[in-house]
Amino acid sequence: MAVYAQPVPQPVERLRQAEGGAIARLKLLHAEAEETARLANLLGRSLYAGIALPVLGILAVGLADGISPVWQLVWCGFVASISLALLVAYRHAMRQPFERATLRQFAKDLSAILLFAGFVWGAGAFLALPPGTSAIPAVLFAAAPSVAIAILLREREALFLFLAPVVALTAFASILRPFADGMLDGGLIVAVCAAIAAGSMLAERRGSKPAMLSLP
């Protein structure tokens, strides 16, 4: 019975294997550092989003006339709860701001909060805006917070989670309430918010560089 000995790797082959392993480890470390930097930046910017939403909510209520202030206060309470949830998640994550596991959990919490925030803001089209609202205020109601989220968070997925329910509910409200121009208002809301989403995607593609840790 013949026994075949396995060939012993030559020095050059061993060196190539060692180099390949080192390069793979460097790529892994680079990917981990990039992810940590991106999530840490997202953590820092989320605080500003938590401040911006209630400010925009107060402005929306202040500019809306002809609706019961009770419903407006109820809606403002829901908007305030979004800020509180963001603050709690932010404070928890800041205890370990450079731990990837903590940052990943924060990103998941932020996604859930933003989806809830989108439904809350969209509900404001029924609770905070009066029937007969004209096209410009209706479009601004949906577009202004979406632009704020896009600029402050700079994350496409975060924007889409917020934007989708805002567009759907505000467009429905323009028809069901109805607003001054009904279908036209709904179409304008969808078109403007689609442009915001497209702008966010374009900005992300242009800025798709290795993430660097920066100040919020």
C-alpha atoms as a PDB file:
ATOM      1  CA  MET A   1       0.000   0.000   0.000  1.00  0.00           C
ATOM      2  CA  ALA A   2       1.548   3.266  -1.110  1.00  0.00           C
ATOM      3  CA  VAL A   3       1.703   6.176   1.270  1.00  0.00           C
ATOM      4  CA  TYR A   4       1.837   9.661  -0.202  1.00  0.00           C
ATOM      5  CA  ALA A   5       3.338  12.441   1.861  1.00  0.00           C
ATOM      6  CA  GLN A   6       1.732  15.850   1.608  1.00  0.00           C
ATOM      7  CA  PRO A   7       3.990  18.419  -0.025  1.00  0.00           C
ATOM      8  CA  VAL A   8       5.609  20.804   2.408  1.00  0.00           C
ATOM      9  CA  PRO A   9       4.787  24.434   1.556  1.00  0.00           C
ATOM     10  CA  GLN A  10       7.779  26.273   0.196  1.00  0.00           C
ATOM     11  CA  PRO A  11       8.949  29.491   1.896  1.00  0.00           C
ATOM     12  CA  VAL A  12       7.386  31.648  -0.836  1.00  0.00           C
ATOM     13  CA  GLU A  13       4.028  29.909  -0.452  1.00  0.00           C
ATOM     14  CA  ARG A  14       4.144  30.314   3.304  1.00  0.00           C
ATOM     15  CA  LEU A  15       4.894  33.998   2.913  1.00  0.00           C
ATOM     16  CA  ARG A  16       1.964  34.426   0.532  1.00  0.00           C
ATOM     17  CA  GLN A  17      -0.351  32.651   2.947  1.00  0.00           C
ATOM     18  CA  ALA A  18       0.833  34.859   5.815  1.00  0.00           C
ATOM     19  CA  GLU A  19       0.380  37.998   3.710  1.00  0.00           C
ATOM     20  CA  GLY A  20      -3.096  36.885   2.661  1.00  0.00           C
ATOM     21  CA  GLY A  21      -4.101  36.322   6.273  1.00  0.00           C
ATOM     22  CA  ALA A  22      -2.695  39.692   7.318  1.00  0.00           C
ATOM     23  CA  ILE A  23      -4.540  41.497   4.515  1.00  0.00           C
ATOM     24  CA  ALA A  24      -7.806  39.745   5.438  1.00  0.00           C
ATOM     25  CA  ARG A  25      -7.383  40.810   9.073  1.00  0.00           C
ATOM     26  CA  LEU A  26      -6.619  44.379   8.019  1.00  0.00           C
ATOM     27  CA  LYS A  27      -9.750  44.465   5.852  1.00  0.00           C
ATOM     28  CA  LEU A  28     -11.816  43.146   8.737  1.00  0.00           C
ATOM     29  CA  LEU A  29     -10.372  45.716  11.148  1.00  0.00           C
ATOM     30  CA  HIS A  30     -10.981  48.479   8.614  1.00  0.00           C
ATOM     31  CA  ALA A  31     -14.614  47.419   8.130  1.00  0.00           C
ATOM     32  CA  GLU A  32     -15.160  47.282  11.887  1.00  0.00           C
ATOM     33  CA  ALA A  33     -13.582  50.715  12.383  1.00  0.00           C
ATOM     34  CA  GLU A  34     -15.683  52.151   9.553  1.00  0.00           C
ATOM     35  CA  GLU A  35     -18.880  50.741  11.036  1.00  0.00           C
ATOM     36  CA  THR A  36     -17.997  52.016  14.514  1.00  0.00           C
ATOM     37  CA  ALA A  37     -17.273  55.500  13.182  1.00  0.00           C
ATOM     38  CA  ARG A  38     -20.517  55.626  11.195  1.00  0.00           C
ATOM     39  CA  LEU A  39     -22.643  54.471  14.127  1.00  0.00           C
ATOM     40  CA  ALA A  40     -20.848  56.793  16.563  1.00  0.00           C
ATOM     41  CA  ASN A  41     -21.536  59.740  14.269  1.00  0.00           C
ATOM     42  CA  LEU A  42     -25.171  58.661  13.995  1.00  0.00           C
ATOM     43  CA  LEU A  43     -25.386  58.546  17.787  1.00  0.00           C
ATOM     44  CA  GLY A  44     -24.052  62.077  18.108  1.00  0.00           C
ATOM     45  CA  ARG A  45     -26.378  63.507  15.459  1.00  0.00           C
ATOM     46  CA  SER A  46     -29.497  61.823  16.839  1.00  0.00           C
ATOM     47  CA  LEU A  47     -29.612  64.288  19.720  1.00  0.00           C
ATOM     48  CA  TYR A  48     -30.167  67.153  17.293  1.00  0.00           C
ATOM     49  CA  ALA A  49     -32.983  65.263  15.599  1.00  0.00           C
ATOM     50  CA  GLY A  50     -34.616  64.830  19.009  1.00  0.00           C
ATOM     51  CA  ILE A  51     -34.513  68.597  19.477  1.00  0.00           C
ATOM     52  CA  ALA A  52     -35.633  69.513  15.957  1.00  0.00           C
ATOM     53  CA  LEU A  53     -38.850  67.486  15.845  1.00  0.00           C
ATOM     54  CA  PRO A  54     -40.634  69.128  18.805  1.00  0.00           C
ATOM     55  CA  VAL A  55     -39.530  72.568  17.607  1.00  0.00           C
ATOM     56  CA  LEU A  56     -41.038  71.862  14.184  1.00  0.00           C
ATOM     57  CA  GLY A  57     -44.137  70.465  15.882  1.00  0.00           C
ATOM     58  CA  ILE A  58     -44.642  73.677  17.853  1.00  0.00           C
ATOM     59  CA  LEU A  59     -44.227  75.706  14.670  1.00  0.00           C
ATOM     60  CA  ALA A  60     -46.771  73.531  12.853  1.00  0.00           C
ATOM     61  CA  VAL A  61     -49.310  73.965  15.645  1.00  0.00           C
ATOM     62  CA  GLY A  62     -48.662  77.693  15.882  1.00  0.00           C
ATOM     63  CA  LEU A  63     -49.321  78.191  12.187  1.00  0.00           C
ATOM     64  CA  ALA A  64     -52.494  76.066  12.103  1.00  0.00           C
ATOM     65  CA  ASP A  65     -55.823  77.751  12.828  1.00  0.00           C
ATOM     66  CA  GLY A  66     -59.373  76.464  12.897  1.00  0.00           C
ATOM     67  CA  ILE A  67     -58.886  73.207  14.804  1.00  0.00           C
ATOM     68  CA  SER A  68     -59.442  72.235  18.411  1.00  0.00           C
ATOM     69  CA  PRO A  69     -56.359  72.934  20.554  1.00  0.00           C
ATOM     70  CA  VAL A  70     -57.079  69.758  22.499  1.00  0.00           C
ATOM     71  CA  TRP A  71     -56.168  67.579  19.520  1.00  0.00           C
ATOM     72  CA  GLN A  72     -53.140  69.713  18.836  1.00  0.00           C
ATOM     73  CA  LEU A  73     -51.969  69.257  22.429  1.00  0.00           C
ATOM     74  CA  VAL A  74     -52.493  65.507  22.169  1.00  0.00           C
ATOM     75  CA  TRP A  75     -50.366  65.441  19.045  1.00  0.00           C
ATOM     76  CA  CYS A  76     -47.675  67.601  20.658  1.00  0.00           C
ATOM     77  CA  GLY A  77     -47.594  65.126  23.521  1.00  0.00           C
ATOM     78  CA  PHE A  78     -46.872  62.291  21.107  1.00  0.00           C
ATOM     79  CA  VAL A  79     -44.130  64.343  19.430  1.00  0.00           C
ATOM     80  CA  ALA A  80     -42.617  65.030  22.851  1.00  0.00           C
ATOM     81  CA  SER A  81     -42.622  61.285  23.560  1.00  0.00           C
ATOM     82  CA  ILE A  82     -40.460  60.790  20.462  1.00  0.00           C
ATOM     83  CA  SER A  83     -37.876  63.217  21.820  1.00  0.00           C
ATOM     84  CA  LEU A  84     -37.978  61.486  25.188  1.00  0.00           C
ATOM     85  CA  ALA A  85     -37.408  58.087  23.567  1.00  0.00           C
ATOM     86  CA  LEU A  86     -34.473  59.467  21.569  1.00  0.00           C
ATOM     87  CA  LEU A  87     -32.985  61.016  24.689  1.00  0.00           C
ATOM     88  CA  VAL A  88     -33.262  57.762  26.649  1.00  0.00           C
ATOM     89  CA  ALA A  89     -31.655  55.760  23.831  1.00  0.00           C
ATOM     90  CA  TYR A  90     -28.940  58.396  23.444  1.00  0.00           C
ATOM     91  CA  ARG A  91     -28.054  58.468  27.140  1.00  0.00           C
ATOM     92  CA  HIS A  92     -27.934  54.678  27.313  1.00  0.00           C
ATOM     93  CA  ALA A  93     -25.614  54.414  24.309  1.00  0.00           C
ATOM     94  CA  MET A  94     -23.348  57.238  25.531  1.00  0.00           C
ATOM     95  CA  ARG A  95     -22.309  55.080  28.473  1.00  0.00           C
ATOM     96  CA  GLN A  96     -20.274  53.011  25.996  1.00  0.00           C
ATOM     97  CA  PRO A  97     -20.079  55.254  22.917  1.00  0.00           C
ATOM     98  CA  PHE A  98     -17.383  53.258  21.091  1.00  0.00           C
ATOM     99  CA  GLU A  99     -18.592  49.715  21.750  1.00  0.00           C
ATOM    100  CA  ARG A 100     -19.886  48.239  18.502  1.00  0.00           C
ATOM    101  CA  ALA A 101     -22.480  46.085  20.237  1.00  0.00           C
ATOM    102  CA  THR A 102     -23.887  49.144  22.043  1.00  0.00           C
ATOM    103  CA  LEU A 103     -23.870  51.220  18.868  1.00  0.00           C
ATOM    104  CA  ARG A 104     -25.596  48.482  16.880  1.00  0.00           C
ATOM    105  CA  GLN A 105     -28.301  48.221  19.516  1.00  0.00           C
ATOM    106  CA  PHE A 106     -28.716  51.993  19.430  1.00  0.00           C
ATOM    107  CA  ALA A 107     -29.105  51.879  15.631  1.00  0.00           C
ATOM    108  CA  LYS A 108     -31.883  49.292  16.022  1.00  0.00           C
ATOM    109  CA  ASP A 109     -33.596  51.399  18.688  1.00  0.00           C
ATOM    110  CA  LEU A 110     -33.275  54.490  16.512  1.00  0.00           C
ATOM    111  CA  SER A 111     -34.886  52.702  13.563  1.00  0.00           C
ATOM    112  CA  ALA A 112     -37.882  51.726  15.706  1.00  0.00           C
ATOM    113  CA  ILE A 113     -38.173  55.252  17.124  1.00  0.00           C
ATOM    114  CA  LEU A 114     -38.024  56.854  13.672  1.00  0.00           C
ATOM    115  CA  LEU A 115     -40.699  54.538  12.307  1.00  0.00           C
ATOM    116  CA  PHE A 116     -42.933  55.453  15.251  1.00  0.00           C
ATOM    117  CA  ALA A 117     -42.032  59.112  14.742  1.00  0.00           C
ATOM    118  CA  GLY A 118     -43.129  58.899  11.108  1.00  0.00           C
ATOM    119  CA  PHE A 119     -46.550  57.579  12.087  1.00  0.00           C
ATOM    120  CA  VAL A 120     -46.888  60.200  14.827  1.00  0.00           C
ATOM    121  CA  TRP A 121     -45.954  63.033  12.502  1.00  0.00           C
ATOM    122  CA  GLY A 122     -48.225  61.745   9.763  1.00  0.00           C
ATOM    123  CA  ALA A 123     -51.093  61.534  12.267  1.00  0.00           C
ATOM    124  CA  GLY A 124     -50.582  65.250  12.824  1.00  0.00           C
ATOM    125  CA  ALA A 125     -52.081  65.835   9.388  1.00  0.00           C
ATOM    126  CA  PHE A 126     -55.375  64.667  10.932  1.00  0.00           C
ATOM    127  CA  LEU A 127     -54.896  66.046  14.467  1.00  0.00           C
ATOM    128  CA  ALA A 128     -52.982  69.297  14.024  1.00  0.00           C
ATOM    129  CA  LEU A 129     -53.963  70.582  10.573  1.00  0.00           C
ATOM    130  CA  PRO A 130     -57.479  71.886   9.942  1.00  0.00           C
ATOM    131  CA  PRO A 131     -59.694  70.894   7.014  1.00  0.00           C
ATOM    132  CA  GLY A 132     -59.139  73.166   4.041  1.00  0.00           C
ATOM    133  CA  THR A 133     -55.397  73.503   4.611  1.00  0.00           C
ATOM    134  CA  SER A 134     -53.860  74.931   1.452  1.00  0.00           C
ATOM    135  CA  ALA A 135     -51.192  73.227  -0.627  1.00  0.00           C
ATOM    136  CA  ILE A 136     -48.087  75.044   0.654  1.00  0.00           C
ATOM    137  CA  PRO A 137     -48.658  74.410   4.393  1.00  0.00           C
ATOM    138  CA  ALA A 138     -49.608  70.793   3.662  1.00  0.00           C
ATOM    139  CA  VAL A 139     -46.447  70.183   1.663  1.00  0.00           C
ATOM    140  CA  LEU A 140     -44.281  71.969   4.236  1.00  0.00           C
ATOM    141  CA  PHE A 141     -45.830  69.907   7.032  1.00  0.00           C
ATOM    142  CA  ALA A 142     -44.552  66.708   5.410  1.00  0.00           C
ATOM    143  CA  ALA A 143     -41.368  68.052   3.815  1.00  0.00           C
ATOM    144  CA  ALA A 144     -39.838  70.175   6.605  1.00  0.00           C
ATOM    145  CA  PRO A 145     -39.304  67.394   9.184  1.00  0.00           C
ATOM    146  CA  SER A 146     -38.182  65.010   6.431  1.00  0.00           C
ATOM    147  CA  VAL A 147     -35.520  67.464   5.282  1.00  0.00           C
ATOM    148  CA  ALA A 148     -34.465  67.953   8.904  1.00  0.00           C
ATOM    149  CA  ILE A 149     -34.065  64.199   9.413  1.00  0.00           C
ATOM    150  CA  ALA A 150     -32.150  63.881   6.132  1.00  0.00           C
ATOM    151  CA  ILE A 151     -29.740  66.703   7.009  1.00  0.00           C
ATOM    152  CA  LEU A 152     -29.249  65.867  10.683  1.00  0.00           C
ATOM    153  CA  LEU A 153     -28.928  62.079  10.527  1.00  0.00           C
ATOM    154  CA  ARG A 154     -27.445  61.709   7.014  1.00  0.00           C
ATOM    155  CA  GLU A 155     -28.648  58.132   6.830  1.00  0.00           C
ATOM    156  CA  ARG A 156     -30.821  57.014   3.924  1.00  0.00           C
ATOM    157  CA  GLU A 157     -32.465  54.149   5.793  1.00  0.00           C
ATOM    158  CA  ALA A 158     -33.251  56.385   8.771  1.00  0.00           C
ATOM    159  CA  LEU A 159     -34.877  58.919   6.455  1.00  0.00           C
ATOM    160  CA  PHE A 160     -36.969  56.298   4.654  1.00  0.00           C
ATOM    161  CA  LEU A 161     -38.283  54.854   7.923  1.00  0.00           C
ATOM    162  CA  PHE A 162     -39.526  58.296   8.903  1.00  0.00           C
ATOM    163  CA  LEU A 163     -40.571  59.491   5.465  1.00  0.00           C
ATOM    164  CA  ALA A 164     -42.746  56.569   4.338  1.00  0.00           C
ATOM    165  CA  PRO A 165     -45.486  56.859   7.002  1.00  0.00           C
ATOM    166  CA  VAL A 166     -45.351  60.665   6.874  1.00  0.00           C
ATOM    167  CA  VAL A 167     -46.033  60.695   3.130  1.00  0.00           C
ATOM    168  CA  ALA A 168     -48.755  58.048   3.312  1.00  0.00           C
ATOM    169  CA  LEU A 169     -50.704  59.582   6.195  1.00  0.00           C
ATOM    170  CA  THR A 170     -50.371  63.202   5.052  1.00  0.00           C
ATOM    171  CA  ALA A 171     -51.419  62.308   1.504  1.00  0.00           C
ATOM    172  CA  PHE A 172     -54.434  60.395   2.838  1.00  0.00           C
ATOM    173  CA  ALA A 173     -55.335  63.319   5.094  1.00  0.00           C
ATOM    174  CA  SER A 174     -55.261  65.710   2.142  1.00  0.00           C
ATOM    175  CA  ILE A 175     -58.015  63.628   0.523  1.00  0.00           C
ATOM    176  CA  LEU A 176     -60.004  62.476   3.542  1.00  0.00           C
ATOM    177  CA  ARG A 177     -60.082  65.693   5.598  1.00  0.00           C
ATOM    178  CA  PRO A 178     -60.069  67.122   2.862  1.00  0.00           C
ATOM    179  CA  PHE A 179     -57.467  69.842   2.362  1.00  0.00           C
ATOM    180  CA  ALA A 180     -58.141  72.782   0.074  1.00  0.00           C
ATOM    181  CA  ASP A 181     -57.080  71.076  -3.152  1.00  0.00           C
ATOM    182  CA  GLY A 182     -57.495  67.438  -2.147  1.00  0.00           C
ATOM    183  CA  MET A 183     -55.916  65.235  -4.799  1.00  0.00           C
ATOM    184  CA  LEU A 184     -53.571  67.979  -5.949  1.00  0.00           C
ATOM    185  CA  ASP A 185     -52.223  68.430  -2.427  1.00  0.00           C
ATOM    186  CA  GLY A 186     -51.720  64.694  -2.100  1.00  0.00           C
ATOM    187  CA  GLY A 187     -49.851  64.538  -5.390  1.00  0.00           C
ATOM    188  CA  LEU A 188     -47.622  67.461  -4.441  1.00  0.00           C
ATOM    189  CA  ILE A 189     -46.819  65.890  -1.077  1.00  0.00           C
ATOM    190  CA  VAL A 190     -45.805  62.610  -2.707  1.00  0.00           C
ATOM    191  CA  ALA A 191     -43.751  64.376  -5.400  1.00  0.00           C
ATOM    192  CA  VAL A 192     -41.850  66.649  -3.019  1.00  0.00           C
ATOM    193  CA  CYS A 193     -41.101  63.869  -0.553  1.00  0.00           C
ATOM    194  CA  ALA A 194     -39.974  61.601  -3.402  1.00  0.00           C
ATOM    195  CA  ALA A 195     -37.564  64.361  -4.428  1.00  0.00           C
ATOM    196  CA  ILE A 196     -36.239  64.505  -0.859  1.00  0.00           C
ATOM    197  CA  ALA A 197     -35.676  60.739  -0.887  1.00  0.00           C
ATOM    198  CA  ALA A 198     -33.941  60.928  -4.265  1.00  0.00           C
ATOM    199  CA  GLY A 199     -31.736  63.762  -3.040  1.00  0.00           C
ATOM    200  CA  SER A 200     -30.762  61.712  -0.002  1.00  0.00           C
ATOM    201  CA  MET A 201     -29.802  58.737  -2.180  1.00  0.00           C
ATOM    202  CA  LEU A 202     -27.764  60.972  -4.494  1.00  0.00           C
ATOM    203  CA  ALA A 203     -25.965  62.623  -1.588  1.00  0.00           C
ATOM    204  CA  GLU A 204     -25.142  59.205  -0.114  1.00  0.00           C
ATOM    205  CA  ARG A 205     -23.661  57.999  -3.401  1.00  0.00           C
ATOM    206  CA  ARG A 206     -21.549  61.110  -3.808  1.00  0.00           C
ATOM    207  CA  GLY A 207     -20.348  60.902  -0.241  1.00  0.00           C
ATOM    208  CA  SER A 208     -19.711  57.141  -0.184  1.00  0.00           C
ATOM    209  CA  LYS A 209     -16.198  57.351   1.278  1.00  0.00           C
ATOM    210  CA  PRO A 210     -14.616  55.538   4.205  1.00  0.00           C
ATOM    211  CA  ALA A 211     -16.334  56.877   7.299  1.00  0.00           C
ATOM    212  CA  MET A 212     -14.317  59.157   9.548  1.00  0.00           C
ATOM    213  CA  LEU A 213     -15.225  59.895  13.129  1.00  0.00           C
ATOM    214  CA  SER A 214     -16.264  63.530  13.253  1.00  0.00           C
ATOM    215  CA  LEU A 215     -17.994  65.925  15.520  1.00  0.00           C
ATOM    216  CA  PRO A 216     -21.800  65.972  15.124  1.00  0.00           C
END
